Amino acid sequence: MRRSLVLTDEKSRHPFLATLPPHVRKVEGMSEAETIWRLTQQDIRGFASVYVAVFAAVLVFIA
């Protein structure tokens, strides 16, 4: 097995990631991951409607 002279990569921020070989650390689908976590107007409307519904249900339960 061929190993590097330096076993860690200082560019990696986590000790476990520093020990991985470069071909494993390489991330190609970063743009897909970024688009998955974007908030849309539909997400905000859904959250607001659920918040109001739960708030109303709690008020009815307390009253």
C-alpha atoms as a PDB file:
ATOM      1  CA  MET A   1       0.000   0.000   0.000  1.00  0.00           C
ATOM      2  CA  ARG A   2       1.318   3.422  -0.935  1.00  0.00           C
ATOM      3  CA  ARG A   3       0.957   6.103   1.724  1.00  0.00           C
ATOM      4  CA  SER A   4       1.833   9.765   1.755  1.00  0.00           C
ATOM      5  CA  LEU A   5       4.722  11.069   3.782  1.00  0.00           C
ATOM      6  CA  VAL A   6       2.328  13.420   5.577  1.00  0.00           C
ATOM      7  CA  LEU A   7      -0.740  11.566   6.799  1.00  0.00           C
ATOM      8  CA  THR A   8      -2.933  14.580   7.499  1.00  0.00           C
ATOM      9  CA  ASP A   9      -4.245  17.451   5.418  1.00  0.00           C
ATOM     10  CA  GLU A  10      -4.107  20.828   7.144  1.00  0.00           C
ATOM     11  CA  LYS A  11      -6.864  22.218   4.903  1.00  0.00           C
ATOM     12  CA  SER A  12      -9.371  19.861   6.514  1.00  0.00           C
ATOM     13  CA  ARG A  13     -10.986  21.334   9.593  1.00  0.00           C
ATOM     14  CA  HIS A  14     -11.894  18.098  11.354  1.00  0.00           C
ATOM     15  CA  PRO A  15      -9.270  15.551  12.503  1.00  0.00           C
ATOM     16  CA  PHE A  16     -11.175  12.636  10.946  1.00  0.00           C
ATOM     17  CA  LEU A  17     -11.475  14.412   7.584  1.00  0.00           C
ATOM     18  CA  ALA A  18      -7.752  15.190   7.676  1.00  0.00           C
ATOM     19  CA  THR A  19      -6.923  11.475   7.740  1.00  0.00           C
ATOM     20  CA  LEU A  20      -9.050  10.629   4.684  1.00  0.00           C
ATOM     21  CA  PRO A  21      -7.433  10.381   1.242  1.00  0.00           C
ATOM     22  CA  PRO A  22      -8.085  13.260  -1.196  1.00  0.00           C
ATOM     23  CA  HIS A  23     -10.358  11.270  -3.499  1.00  0.00           C
ATOM     24  CA  VAL A  24     -12.708  10.533  -0.587  1.00  0.00           C
ATOM     25  CA  ARG A  25     -12.842  14.155   0.629  1.00  0.00           C
ATOM     26  CA  LYS A  26     -13.658  15.454  -2.830  1.00  0.00           C
ATOM     27  CA  VAL A  27     -17.256  16.733  -3.001  1.00  0.00           C
ATOM     28  CA  GLU A  28     -18.762  17.151  -6.453  1.00  0.00           C
ATOM     29  CA  GLY A  29     -22.472  17.602  -5.702  1.00  0.00           C
ATOM     30  CA  MET A  30     -22.158  20.634  -3.475  1.00  0.00           C
ATOM     31  CA  SER A  31     -24.543  22.735  -5.537  1.00  0.00           C
ATOM     32  CA  GLU A  32     -27.321  20.148  -5.132  1.00  0.00           C
ATOM     33  CA  ALA A  33     -26.904  20.148  -1.362  1.00  0.00           C
ATOM     34  CA  GLU A  34     -27.081  23.921  -1.241  1.00  0.00           C
ATOM     35  CA  THR A  35     -30.325  24.073  -3.221  1.00  0.00           C
ATOM     36  CA  ILE A  36     -32.009  21.489  -0.985  1.00  0.00           C
ATOM     37  CA  TRP A  37     -31.652  23.686   2.115  1.00  0.00           C
ATOM     38  CA  ARG A  38     -32.944  26.947   0.648  1.00  0.00           C
ATOM     39  CA  LEU A  39     -36.126  28.356   2.165  1.00  0.00           C
ATOM     40  CA  THR A  40     -38.880  29.151  -0.281  1.00  0.00           C
ATOM     41  CA  GLN A  41     -41.973  31.282   0.180  1.00  0.00           C
ATOM     42  CA  GLN A  42     -44.050  28.098   0.287  1.00  0.00           C
ATOM     43  CA  ASP A  43     -41.940  26.800   3.203  1.00  0.00           C
ATOM     44  CA  ILE A  44     -42.460  30.009   5.161  1.00  0.00           C
ATOM     45  CA  ARG A  45     -46.218  29.975   4.489  1.00  0.00           C
ATOM     46  CA  GLY A  46     -46.449  26.360   5.612  1.00  0.00           C
ATOM     47  CA  PHE A  47     -44.544  27.073   8.813  1.00  0.00           C
ATOM     48  CA  ALA A  48     -46.685  30.135   9.559  1.00  0.00           C
ATOM     49  CA  SER A  49     -49.951  28.274   8.980  1.00  0.00           C
ATOM     50  CA  VAL A  50     -48.902  25.373  11.220  1.00  0.00           C
ATOM     51  CA  TYR A  51     -47.737  27.821  13.903  1.00  0.00           C
ATOM     52  CA  VAL A  52     -51.073  29.647  13.880  1.00  0.00           C
ATOM     53  CA  ALA A  53     -53.049  26.377  13.898  1.00  0.00           C
ATOM     54  CA  VAL A  54     -51.115  24.993  16.871  1.00  0.00           C
ATOM     55  CA  PHE A  55     -51.379  28.316  18.709  1.00  0.00           C
ATOM     56  CA  ALA A  56     -55.167  28.333  18.169  1.00  0.00           C
ATOM     57  CA  ALA A  57     -55.461  24.709  19.307  1.00  0.00           C
ATOM     58  CA  VAL A  58     -53.514  25.444  22.497  1.00  0.00           C
ATOM     59  CA  LEU A  59     -55.701  28.487  23.213  1.00  0.00           C
ATOM     60  CA  VAL A  60     -58.869  26.430  22.730  1.00  0.00           C
ATOM     61  CA  PHE A  61     -57.482  23.690  24.986  1.00  0.00           C
ATOM     62  CA  ILE A  62     -56.588  26.173  27.730  1.00  0.00           C
ATOM     63  CA  ALA A  63     -59.879  28.118  27.542  1.00  0.00           C
END
